[in-house]
Amino acid sequence: MRKRPNPAIAKAMRALEAGIPRARADARLPAYHFRPPARWMGDINGPIYHKGYYHIFYQHNPYDEKFGSVHWGHARSKDLVFWEHLPIALWPSKDKGEDHCYSGASVINGEGRPMIFYTSMPTSEQWAAVGDDDLIVWEKHPGNPVLPAGIHSDIVRIGAWRDPFIFKHGGHTYLICGGWAGEKHGPGHSRGIVSLYRGRNAGLTDWECLGPLYCHPYSPDNACPNFFQVGEKWALFMSRHDPHVVNYYVGAWDLFRFHPESAGTMCYSEDMYATQGLYDAKGRLILWGTLHAYRTGKGSIDWPGCLTLPSVVSLRPDGLLGFEPAPELRKLRGKRRREPGISLSSSSHVMESTRGDLLEIAAEFEPKGARAFGMKVRRSDDGKRAIAIRYDEDGLEVNGIRGLFNEKEKDVGPFKLLAGETTLQLRVFLDKAIMEVYANGRACFSRLLDSREEDLGVEVFAEEGAVRVKRFDAWEMGAIW
């Protein structure tokens, strides 16, 4: 194993360092969401817990702020909060005709060696790289592609076959990929497919196709699929189109096919895409999503390009998934502001002691007949500008968006209080141009903001009726770098 990065990585690292001054000058730059030192960032890839470290990889162009040439960036952390940037892990092998290293996964194979699996472009086949025991230095596998398209071509034709995800179960290692089956163009001729493969040797260089794990009845394709065991069930996450969102399904797996029993939405907008997760030493399932500015047209191309906060995923008694911010994030809390219970009746209340663009807010609202209620953040001093988190009979709306949904899917829709939920509990994280809102421990809304630097106020409100703010706590948040 080479002890130093090869010339392609050394060149990329020099280009990345040259972009750092410009990145640091951007006032919108997130302070406690993970991001690269500079340049373009895409999907999170291959998170793994190894030798006491959480490792994450991510699509990255170290040369430009645009999509360009996709490498894999790399970082590690001991606590999910403070991260150490590491040398670029993967680079396009131009001498072999490779233009991009698309999304993928990492795993320790049956021989104890770290491996990365990713989609090589433009061939759209699955390549592998082998790493040293610290996951710092990587070499492309000489047998690439380890999963050629011919592995399933006699079973099904798959387009956009990419984004391998690896998991272990029952002594076997499995791999899934997203894509579409059938003809891509024309109504009714394409449907999203998640294909399933099983490793046949310890080195994970020989695979067999087990057919489709799941075929989506509505989406024309699926990208970045993840498959996790949560409690006694299995959860399938898919970043899909029609609409361009992340949905999840919970159900049973018979080792060949996945059978959904319930469905939910991971993020109620297209601001977040491409999830990835890992099981840590505590047995927790930790999940991240990727915030892509270019998908919404806000800001410059693909800025701010960062990850969501790490969420702890659990299985709820009702069959849905629970999402909570990782408790380690409390390390970032600084000065605390607390407001006693506030009763509002067709009125609003400005939290004079709470201001800022680096905040965590925990609030609980008890409806008392108000037609709508909620909170405004990044409020201007005159109240003419603000980002609203608003709940009414149609559900929760965050920054003007309830969500993007396919009307054919009756089991997925806007976030609403369930029977038995008498209050709306919000955890709001403000980080410059990023906002994340956790609602009742079962949904998370990620938003890219276009606020002015001077807009720092916070307000609670009730429209046409009463609401009681049972709890309001706010903390100033520190930076992770």
Protein backbone atom coordinates (compact mmCIF):
# COMPACT_ATOMS: atom_id res chain seq x y z
CA MET A 1 0.00 0.00 0.00
CA ARG A 2 1.45 3.35 -1.04
CA LYS A 3 2.41 5.51 1.94
CA ARG A 4 1.87 8.81 0.16
CA PRO A 5 -1.04 10.07 -1.95
CA ASN A 6 -0.47 9.52 -5.64
CA PRO A 7 0.17 12.51 -7.94
CA ALA A 8 -3.53 12.85 -8.85
CA ILE A 9 -4.48 13.25 -5.18
CA ALA A 10 -1.57 15.59 -4.44
CA LYS A 11 -2.63 17.82 -7.33
CA ALA A 12 -6.24 17.81 -6.14
CA MET A 13 -5.24 18.72 -2.59
CA ARG A 14 -3.25 21.71 -3.83
CA ALA A 15 -6.24 22.93 -5.83
CA LEU A 16 -8.49 22.49 -2.81
CA GLU A 17 -6.20 24.52 -0.56
CA ALA A 18 -6.18 27.34 -3.10
CA GLY A 19 -9.96 27.67 -2.74
CA ILE A 20 -10.05 27.94 1.05
CA PRO A 21 -9.64 31.76 1.33
CA ARG A 22 -12.64 32.36 -0.93
CA ALA A 23 -14.77 29.87 1.01
CA ARG A 24 -13.91 31.43 4.36
CA ALA A 25 -14.91 34.86 3.07
CA ASP A 26 -18.49 33.72 2.46
CA ALA A 27 -20.71 34.98 5.29
CA ARG A 28 -23.26 32.25 4.59
CA LEU A 29 -20.79 29.45 5.36
CA PRO A 30 -22.26 26.98 7.89
CA ALA A 31 -20.44 26.84 11.21
CA TYR A 32 -21.61 23.52 12.69
CA HIS A 33 -22.86 21.50 9.73
CA PHE A 34 -20.18 19.38 8.08
CA ARG A 35 -18.79 20.80 4.84
CA PRO A 36 -15.54 20.50 2.86
CA PRO A 37 -12.81 23.11 3.34
CA ALA A 38 -13.79 24.62 -0.03
CA ARG A 39 -15.21 23.87 -3.48
CA TRP A 40 -18.10 21.69 -4.63
CA MET A 41 -19.65 19.03 -2.42
CA GLY A 42 -22.21 16.42 -3.48
CA ASP A 43 -23.67 13.28 -1.95
CA ILE A 44 -22.47 11.80 1.32
CA ASN A 45 -20.83 8.42 0.67
CA GLY A 46 -19.65 5.38 2.58
CA PRO A 47 -19.96 6.34 6.26
CA ILE A 48 -18.41 3.73 8.51
CA TYR A 49 -17.43 3.41 12.17
CA HIS A 50 -13.91 1.96 12.41
CA LYS A 51 -11.26 1.86 15.15
CA GLY A 52 -12.98 4.51 17.26
CA TYR A 53 -13.67 6.95 14.43
CA TYR A 54 -16.75 7.89 12.45
CA HIS A 55 -15.61 8.21 8.83
CA ILE A 56 -17.57 9.96 6.12
CA PHE A 57 -16.79 10.35 2.44
CA TYR A 58 -18.53 12.66 -0.02
CA GLN A 59 -18.67 13.60 -3.68
CA HIS A 60 -16.24 16.44 -4.20
CA ASN A 61 -14.71 18.54 -6.96
CA PRO A 62 -11.53 20.05 -5.47
CA TYR A 63 -10.95 22.15 -8.60
CA ASP A 64 -14.14 24.16 -8.89
CA GLU A 65 -17.45 25.19 -7.30
CA LYS A 66 -19.29 23.23 -9.99
CA PHE A 67 -20.03 19.54 -10.53
CA GLY A 68 -16.99 19.10 -12.78
CA SER A 69 -14.80 16.10 -11.96
CA VAL A 70 -16.18 14.03 -9.08
CA HIS A 71 -13.63 12.81 -6.53
CA TRP A 72 -14.33 11.51 -3.01
CA GLY A 73 -13.54 13.80 -0.08
CA HIS A 74 -12.94 12.26 3.35
CA ALA A 75 -13.20 13.25 7.02
CA ARG A 76 -13.36 11.56 10.40
CA SER A 77 -14.63 12.32 13.89
CA LYS A 78 -14.53 10.69 17.31
CA ASP A 79 -17.80 12.20 18.50
CA LEU A 80 -20.00 13.05 15.46
CA VAL A 81 -19.48 16.75 16.21
CA PHE A 82 -15.90 17.85 15.58
CA TRP A 83 -14.44 16.68 12.27
CA GLU A 84 -10.93 16.30 10.89
CA HIS A 85 -10.48 16.76 7.14
CA LEU A 86 -8.40 13.99 5.55
CA PRO A 87 -6.75 13.62 2.13
CA ILE A 88 -9.00 12.96 -0.84
CA ALA A 89 -9.76 9.25 -0.96
CA LEU A 90 -10.76 8.60 -4.59
CA TRP A 91 -9.93 10.27 -7.86
CA PRO A 92 -11.06 9.59 -11.45
CA SER A 93 -8.60 7.26 -13.18
CA LYS A 94 -8.30 9.22 -16.41
CA ASP A 95 -5.84 6.70 -17.84
CA LYS A 96 -8.62 4.10 -17.68
CA GLY A 97 -11.26 6.36 -19.23
CA GLU A 98 -12.90 7.26 -15.92
CA ASP A 99 -14.45 10.74 -15.64
CA HIS A 100 -16.19 10.58 -12.27
CA CYS A 101 -16.31 8.56 -9.05
CA TYR A 102 -20.02 8.59 -8.28
CA SER A 103 -21.69 7.64 -5.00
CA GLY A 104 -21.12 4.43 -3.09
CA ALA A 105 -20.40 2.68 0.19
CA SER A 106 -17.56 1.38 2.35
CA VAL A 107 -17.20 -1.87 4.25
CA ILE A 108 -14.67 -4.11 5.99
CA ASN A 109 -14.60 -7.27 3.89
CA GLY A 110 -14.38 -10.85 5.11
CA GLU A 111 -10.57 -10.69 4.99
CA GLY A 112 -10.52 -7.70 7.33
CA ARG A 113 -9.62 -5.20 4.61
CA PRO A 114 -11.42 -1.86 4.12
CA MET A 115 -13.12 -1.53 0.74
CA ILE A 116 -15.00 1.21 -1.09
CA PHE A 117 -17.60 0.37 -3.74
CA TYR A 118 -18.67 3.17 -6.07
CA THR A 119 -20.14 3.81 -9.51
CA SER A 120 -17.50 4.59 -12.14
CA MET A 121 -18.63 6.95 -14.88
CA PRO A 122 -19.22 6.97 -17.79
CA THR A 123 -19.45 3.14 -17.80
CA SER A 124 -21.98 3.15 -14.93
CA GLU A 125 -20.47 -0.03 -13.48
CA GLN A 126 -19.45 -0.70 -9.91
CA TRP A 127 -15.77 -0.36 -9.10
CA ALA A 128 -13.90 -1.01 -5.87
CA ALA A 129 -10.93 0.44 -4.02
CA VAL A 130 -8.96 -1.11 -1.16
CA GLY A 131 -7.73 0.94 1.79
CA ASP A 132 -5.16 0.70 4.55
CA ASP A 133 -6.32 -0.10 8.07
CA ASP A 134 -6.71 3.60 8.95
CA LEU A 135 -8.84 4.21 5.83
CA ILE A 136 -6.48 6.99 4.71
CA VAL A 137 -4.73 5.65 1.59
CA TRP A 138 -6.76 3.90 -1.12
CA GLU A 139 -5.89 1.95 -4.28
CA LYS A 140 -8.24 1.03 -7.12
CA HIS A 141 -8.87 -2.71 -7.28
CA PRO A 142 -7.05 -4.32 -10.24
CA GLY A 143 -10.13 -6.42 -11.05
CA ASN A 144 -12.46 -3.48 -11.72
CA PRO A 145 -15.30 -3.46 -12.47
CA VAL A 146 -16.07 -5.86 -9.61
CA LEU A 147 -19.76 -5.67 -10.59
CA PRO A 148 -20.01 -5.39 -14.38
CA ALA A 149 -23.38 -4.72 -15.99
CA GLY A 150 -23.44 -8.26 -17.29
CA ILE A 151 -24.09 -9.52 -13.77
CA HIS A 152 -27.83 -8.89 -14.27
CA SER A 153 -28.29 -8.23 -17.97
CA ASP A 154 -29.84 -11.67 -18.58
CA ILE A 155 -32.41 -10.94 -15.84
CA VAL A 156 -33.38 -7.29 -16.30
CA ARG A 157 -32.22 -4.19 -18.15
CA ILE A 158 -31.32 -1.44 -15.66
CA GLY A 159 -30.63 2.17 -16.58
CA ALA A 160 -28.81 4.70 -14.36
CA TRP A 161 -27.42 1.68 -12.46
CA ARG A 162 -25.47 3.33 -9.68
CA ASP A 163 -24.93 4.26 -6.03
CA PRO A 164 -24.03 0.89 -4.42
CA PHE A 165 -24.92 0.46 -0.75
CA ILE A 166 -23.52 -2.44 1.29
CA PHE A 167 -24.88 -4.16 4.39
CA LYS A 168 -24.26 -7.40 6.27
CA HIS A 169 -26.81 -9.87 7.55
CA GLY A 170 -26.80 -13.53 8.58
CA GLY A 171 -23.14 -14.06 7.73
CA HIS A 172 -23.48 -12.66 4.21
CA THR A 173 -22.60 -9.32 2.64
CA TYR A 174 -25.22 -7.76 0.37
CA LEU A 175 -25.13 -4.84 -2.07
CA ILE A 176 -28.01 -2.86 -3.53
CA CYS A 177 -28.04 -0.35 -6.40
CA GLY A 178 -30.61 2.13 -7.63
CA GLY A 179 -31.77 2.82 -11.16
CA TRP A 180 -34.72 2.26 -13.47
CA ALA A 181 -36.02 -0.82 -15.23
CA GLY A 182 -37.56 -0.74 -18.68
CA GLU A 183 -37.40 2.02 -21.26
CA LYS A 184 -36.48 5.38 -19.80
CA HIS A 185 -38.69 7.50 -22.06
CA GLY A 186 -42.42 7.23 -22.51
CA PRO A 187 -45.27 7.03 -19.99
CA GLY A 188 -45.51 3.75 -18.15
CA HIS A 189 -42.25 2.39 -19.56
CA SER A 190 -39.94 3.07 -16.63
CA ARG A 191 -40.14 2.32 -12.94
CA GLY A 192 -37.69 2.75 -10.13
CA ILE A 193 -35.85 -0.41 -9.15
CA VAL A 194 -33.55 -1.34 -6.28
CA SER A 195 -31.51 -4.38 -7.33
CA LEU A 196 -29.99 -6.84 -4.84
CA TYR A 197 -26.66 -8.71 -5.01
CA ARG A 198 -24.89 -11.09 -2.61
CA GLY A 199 -21.15 -11.52 -2.19
CA ARG A 200 -19.82 -15.01 -2.93
CA ASN A 201 -16.31 -14.65 -1.53
CA ALA A 202 -14.63 -13.07 1.49
CA GLY A 203 -12.76 -10.52 -0.64
CA LEU A 204 -16.08 -9.25 -2.11
CA THR A 205 -14.87 -9.52 -5.67
CA ASP A 206 -17.42 -12.13 -6.77
CA TRP A 207 -21.15 -11.34 -6.66
CA GLU A 208 -24.45 -12.93 -7.65
CA CYS A 209 -27.62 -11.12 -8.66
CA LEU A 210 -30.68 -11.92 -6.53
CA GLY A 211 -33.07 -9.85 -8.61
CA PRO A 212 -35.04 -6.75 -7.59
CA LEU A 213 -35.18 -6.01 -3.87
CA TYR A 214 -38.01 -3.56 -4.58
CA CYS A 215 -39.72 -1.95 -7.58
CA HIS A 216 -41.30 1.42 -6.92
CA PRO A 217 -44.87 1.65 -8.26
CA TYR A 218 -44.77 5.43 -8.92
CA SER A 219 -41.24 6.77 -9.21
CA PRO A 220 -39.56 6.50 -12.63
CA ASP A 221 -36.20 5.88 -10.94
CA ASN A 222 -34.43 5.56 -7.61
CA ALA A 223 -31.04 6.93 -6.56
CA CYS A 224 -28.85 6.41 -3.49
CA PRO A 225 -30.89 3.60 -1.90
CA ASN A 226 -30.09 2.60 1.71
CA PHE A 227 -31.34 -0.50 3.51
CA PHE A 228 -31.11 -0.78 7.30
CA GLN A 229 -32.41 -3.14 9.94
CA VAL A 230 -34.24 -1.10 12.59
CA GLY A 231 -35.55 -3.16 15.46
CA GLU A 232 -37.39 -6.16 14.03
CA LYS A 233 -38.09 -4.39 10.74
CA TRP A 234 -36.15 -3.18 7.70
CA ALA A 235 -36.14 0.38 6.40
CA LEU A 236 -35.53 1.24 2.73
CA PHE A 237 -34.59 4.84 1.92
CA MET A 238 -34.72 6.07 -1.67
CA SER A 239 -33.78 9.40 -3.21
CA ARG A 240 -36.17 9.53 -6.11
CA HIS A 241 -37.89 11.65 -8.72
CA ASP A 242 -41.56 12.49 -9.25
CA PRO A 243 -41.13 14.24 -6.90
CA HIS A 244 -37.43 14.85 -6.20
CA VAL A 245 -37.43 13.85 -2.52
CA VAL A 246 -36.26 11.20 -0.05
CA ASN A 247 -38.92 8.72 1.04
CA TYR A 248 -38.62 5.70 3.29
CA TYR A 249 -40.53 2.47 3.66
CA VAL A 250 -40.61 0.15 6.69
CA GLY A 251 -41.44 -3.51 6.35
CA ALA A 252 -40.21 -7.10 6.15
CA TRP A 253 -37.40 -8.66 4.10
CA ASP A 254 -37.46 -12.34 3.16
CA LEU A 255 -33.77 -12.29 2.06
CA PHE A 256 -34.85 -11.71 -1.55
CA ARG A 257 -37.73 -9.21 -1.68
CA PHE A 258 -38.65 -6.26 0.52
CA HIS A 259 -42.33 -5.99 1.52
CA PRO A 260 -43.31 -2.46 2.68
CA GLU A 261 -45.81 -2.06 5.51
CA SER A 262 -45.64 1.68 6.21
CA ALA A 263 -44.19 4.75 4.49
CA GLY A 264 -42.91 8.19 5.43
CA THR A 265 -40.90 11.17 4.24
CA MET A 266 -37.36 11.84 5.41
CA CYS A 267 -37.33 15.48 4.30
CA TYR A 268 -40.29 17.51 3.09
CA SER A 269 -38.53 19.30 0.24
CA GLU A 270 -35.91 18.82 -2.44
CA ASP A 271 -33.34 20.80 -0.47
CA MET A 272 -32.09 17.52 1.00
CA TYR A 273 -31.18 14.46 -1.06
CA ALA A 274 -29.00 11.36 -0.93
CA THR A 275 -29.01 9.76 2.53
CA GLN A 276 -26.37 7.50 4.06
CA GLY A 277 -25.92 5.98 7.48
CA LEU A 278 -24.02 3.63 9.76
CA TYR A 279 -24.35 1.61 12.95
CA ASP A 280 -21.95 2.81 15.63
CA ALA A 281 -20.36 1.05 18.61
CA LYS A 282 -23.49 1.74 20.67
CA GLY A 283 -25.65 -0.05 18.12
CA ARG A 284 -27.33 3.20 17.06
CA LEU A 285 -28.33 3.85 13.47
CA ILE A 286 -26.94 7.29 12.54
CA LEU A 287 -28.21 8.89 9.35
CA TRP A 288 -27.18 11.93 7.30
CA GLY A 289 -28.64 13.62 4.26
CA THR A 290 -26.99 15.96 1.77
CA LEU A 291 -27.99 19.58 1.22
CA HIS A 292 -27.69 20.50 -2.46
CA ALA A 293 -28.19 24.18 -3.25
CA TYR A 294 -28.19 23.67 -7.01
CA ARG A 295 -31.36 21.61 -6.85
CA THR A 296 -33.36 24.63 -5.69
CA GLY A 297 -31.64 27.44 -7.57
CA LYS A 298 -30.77 29.29 -4.35
CA GLY A 299 -27.35 30.90 -4.20
CA SER A 300 -24.44 29.96 -6.44
CA ILE A 301 -24.16 26.53 -8.03
CA ASP A 302 -24.26 23.81 -5.37
CA TRP A 303 -23.56 26.15 -2.47
CA PRO A 304 -23.54 25.60 0.47
CA GLY A 305 -22.98 21.90 -0.22
CA CYS A 306 -23.04 20.49 3.29
CA LEU A 307 -24.49 17.60 5.26
CA THR A 308 -27.50 17.59 7.50
CA LEU A 309 -26.87 17.08 11.18
CA PRO A 310 -26.50 13.43 12.21
CA SER A 311 -29.84 11.91 13.23
CA VAL A 312 -30.45 8.89 15.42
CA VAL A 313 -33.05 6.68 13.75
CA SER A 314 -35.42 4.43 15.69
CA LEU A 315 -38.53 2.34 15.06
CA ARG A 316 -41.71 3.78 16.56
CA PRO A 317 -44.60 1.67 17.92
CA ASP A 318 -46.79 2.90 15.04
CA GLY A 319 -44.41 1.42 12.47
CA LEU A 320 -42.96 4.76 11.35
CA LEU A 321 -39.40 5.87 11.94
CA GLY A 322 -38.29 8.28 14.63
CA PHE A 323 -35.61 10.91 13.97
CA GLU A 324 -33.76 12.80 16.70
CA PRO A 325 -30.62 14.97 16.48
CA ALA A 326 -27.63 13.09 17.84
CA PRO A 327 -27.30 14.01 21.55
CA GLU A 328 -23.56 14.64 21.05
CA LEU A 329 -24.54 17.94 19.37
CA ARG A 330 -25.26 19.35 22.83
CA LYS A 331 -21.51 19.89 23.13
CA LEU A 332 -21.98 22.91 20.89
CA ARG A 333 -24.46 24.62 23.19
CA GLY A 334 -23.37 27.88 24.71
CA LYS A 335 -25.37 30.57 26.51
CA ARG A 336 -28.95 29.51 27.24
CA ARG A 337 -32.07 31.65 26.99
CA ARG A 338 -35.34 30.45 28.53
CA GLU A 339 -38.76 32.06 28.29
CA PRO A 340 -41.55 31.10 30.73
CA GLY A 341 -44.85 29.78 29.38
CA ILE A 342 -46.37 32.23 26.91
CA SER A 343 -50.09 32.45 26.08
CA LEU A 344 -50.99 34.02 22.75
CA SER A 345 -54.39 34.93 21.35
CA SER A 346 -54.37 36.23 17.78
CA SER A 347 -51.05 37.86 18.60
CA SER A 348 -47.30 37.47 18.47
CA HIS A 349 -44.40 37.82 20.88
CA VAL A 350 -40.84 38.78 19.96
CA MET A 351 -38.21 36.93 22.01
CA GLU A 352 -36.11 39.95 22.87
CA SER A 353 -33.44 37.87 24.63
CA THR A 354 -33.01 35.42 21.73
CA ARG A 355 -31.25 36.60 18.60
CA GLY A 356 -28.80 35.08 16.20
CA ASP A 357 -28.03 32.93 13.17
CA LEU A 358 -26.22 30.21 15.15
CA LEU A 359 -28.93 28.87 17.44
CA GLU A 360 -30.65 25.75 18.68
CA ILE A 361 -34.27 26.31 19.78
CA ALA A 362 -36.52 23.83 21.59
CA ALA A 363 -40.16 24.89 21.68
CA GLU A 364 -43.46 23.18 22.46
CA PHE A 365 -46.82 24.54 21.28
CA GLU A 366 -50.18 23.52 22.73
CA PRO A 367 -53.01 24.52 20.36
CA LYS A 368 -55.97 26.26 22.01
CA GLY A 369 -58.09 26.91 18.94
CA ALA A 370 -55.75 29.04 16.80
CA ARG A 371 -56.25 28.67 13.08
CA ALA A 372 -52.45 28.70 12.71
CA PHE A 373 -49.46 29.07 15.03
CA GLY A 374 -45.73 28.72 15.09
CA MET A 375 -42.42 30.51 15.10
CA LYS A 376 -40.50 32.96 12.95
CA VAL A 377 -36.71 33.04 12.82
CA ARG A 378 -34.21 35.26 10.99
CA ARG A 379 -36.73 38.04 11.62
CA SER A 380 -35.88 41.60 10.64
CA ASP A 381 -36.19 44.24 13.35
CA ASP A 382 -39.24 45.76 11.64
CA GLY A 383 -40.89 42.35 11.22
CA LYS A 384 -41.18 42.67 7.45
CA ARG A 385 -38.85 39.76 6.75
CA ALA A 386 -38.72 36.37 8.47
CA ILE A 387 -38.56 32.61 7.93
CA ALA A 388 -41.82 31.10 9.17
CA ILE A 389 -42.39 27.68 10.74
CA ARG A 390 -46.19 27.56 10.60
CA TYR A 391 -48.77 24.88 11.47
CA ASP A 392 -52.42 24.87 10.42
CA GLU A 393 -55.06 22.29 9.47
CA ASP A 394 -53.15 21.48 6.27
CA GLY A 395 -50.01 20.57 8.18
CA LEU A 396 -46.59 22.00 8.95
CA GLU A 397 -45.11 24.52 6.54
CA VAL A 398 -41.43 25.49 6.78
CA ASN A 399 -40.21 28.49 4.81
CA GLY A 400 -43.28 28.37 2.61
CA ILE A 401 -43.05 24.66 1.72
CA ARG A 402 -45.19 21.87 3.14
CA GLY A 403 -43.54 19.29 0.96
CA LEU A 404 -43.35 17.76 -2.50
CA PHE A 405 -45.59 14.73 -2.98
CA ASN A 406 -46.95 12.43 -5.65
CA GLU A 407 -50.75 12.49 -5.50
CA LYS A 408 -50.80 8.76 -6.32
CA GLU A 409 -49.20 7.98 -2.97
CA LYS A 410 -51.97 8.22 -0.42
CA ASP A 411 -49.75 7.12 2.48
CA VAL A 412 -47.24 9.98 2.14
CA GLY A 413 -48.29 13.60 2.62
CA PRO A 414 -47.72 16.78 4.65
CA PHE A 415 -46.67 16.49 8.28
CA LYS A 416 -49.71 16.59 10.58
CA LEU A 417 -50.24 15.89 14.26
CA LEU A 418 -51.32 12.30 14.84
CA ALA A 419 -54.17 11.14 17.03
CA GLY A 420 -52.94 11.41 20.59
CA GLU A 421 -50.39 14.14 19.83
CA THR A 422 -51.66 17.16 21.74
CA THR A 423 -48.63 19.40 21.23
CA LEU A 424 -46.22 20.33 18.46
CA GLN A 425 -42.63 19.93 19.64
CA LEU A 426 -39.95 21.60 17.55
CA ARG A 427 -36.16 21.41 17.61
CA VAL A 428 -34.87 24.18 15.36
CA PHE A 429 -31.21 24.45 14.32
CA LEU A 430 -30.09 27.68 12.68
CA ASP A 431 -26.65 27.67 11.06
CA LYS A 432 -26.15 30.75 8.90
CA ALA A 433 -27.86 29.85 5.58
CA ILE A 434 -29.04 26.44 6.83
CA MET A 435 -32.07 25.57 8.96
CA GLU A 436 -33.22 22.17 10.18
CA VAL A 437 -36.50 21.60 12.01
CA TYR A 438 -37.23 18.35 13.85
CA ALA A 439 -40.96 17.91 14.52
CA ASN A 440 -42.31 15.60 17.24
CA GLY A 441 -39.34 13.29 16.86
CA ARG A 442 -40.61 11.79 13.60
CA ALA A 443 -39.75 14.20 10.81
CA CYS A 444 -37.00 16.61 9.87
CA PHE A 445 -37.33 19.60 7.55
CA SER A 446 -34.10 20.91 6.01
CA ARG A 447 -34.11 24.29 4.33
CA LEU A 448 -31.64 26.56 2.57
CA LEU A 449 -32.22 30.16 3.61
CA ASP A 450 -31.78 33.42 1.76
CA SER A 451 -31.83 35.78 4.75
CA ARG A 452 -30.00 39.05 5.23
CA GLU A 453 -27.08 39.00 7.64
CA GLU A 454 -28.74 41.55 9.91
CA ASP A 455 -32.00 39.56 10.26
CA LEU A 456 -31.51 37.77 13.58
CA GLY A 457 -34.79 38.01 15.52
CA VAL A 458 -37.12 35.25 16.79
CA GLU A 459 -40.88 35.49 17.27
CA VAL A 460 -43.74 33.15 18.24
CA PHE A 461 -47.27 33.76 16.95
CA ALA A 462 -50.90 32.66 16.89
CA GLU A 463 -53.37 33.47 14.10
CA GLU A 464 -57.14 33.76 14.69
CA GLY A 465 -57.21 32.06 18.05
CA ALA A 466 -55.07 30.95 20.96
CA VAL A 467 -51.99 28.79 21.51
CA ARG A 468 -49.84 28.24 24.57
CA VAL A 469 -46.07 28.07 24.21
CA LYS A 470 -45.39 25.57 26.96
CA ARG A 471 -41.63 25.60 26.49
CA PHE A 472 -39.10 27.85 24.81
CA ASP A 473 -35.37 27.28 25.28
CA ALA A 474 -32.63 28.62 23.05
CA TRP A 475 -28.88 28.11 23.01
CA GLU A 476 -26.15 29.92 21.17
CA MET A 477 -24.27 27.34 19.13
CA GLY A 478 -20.53 27.05 18.61
CA ALA A 479 -18.55 26.10 15.52
CA ILE A 480 -17.09 22.66 14.83
CA TRP A 481 -13.86 23.76 13.15
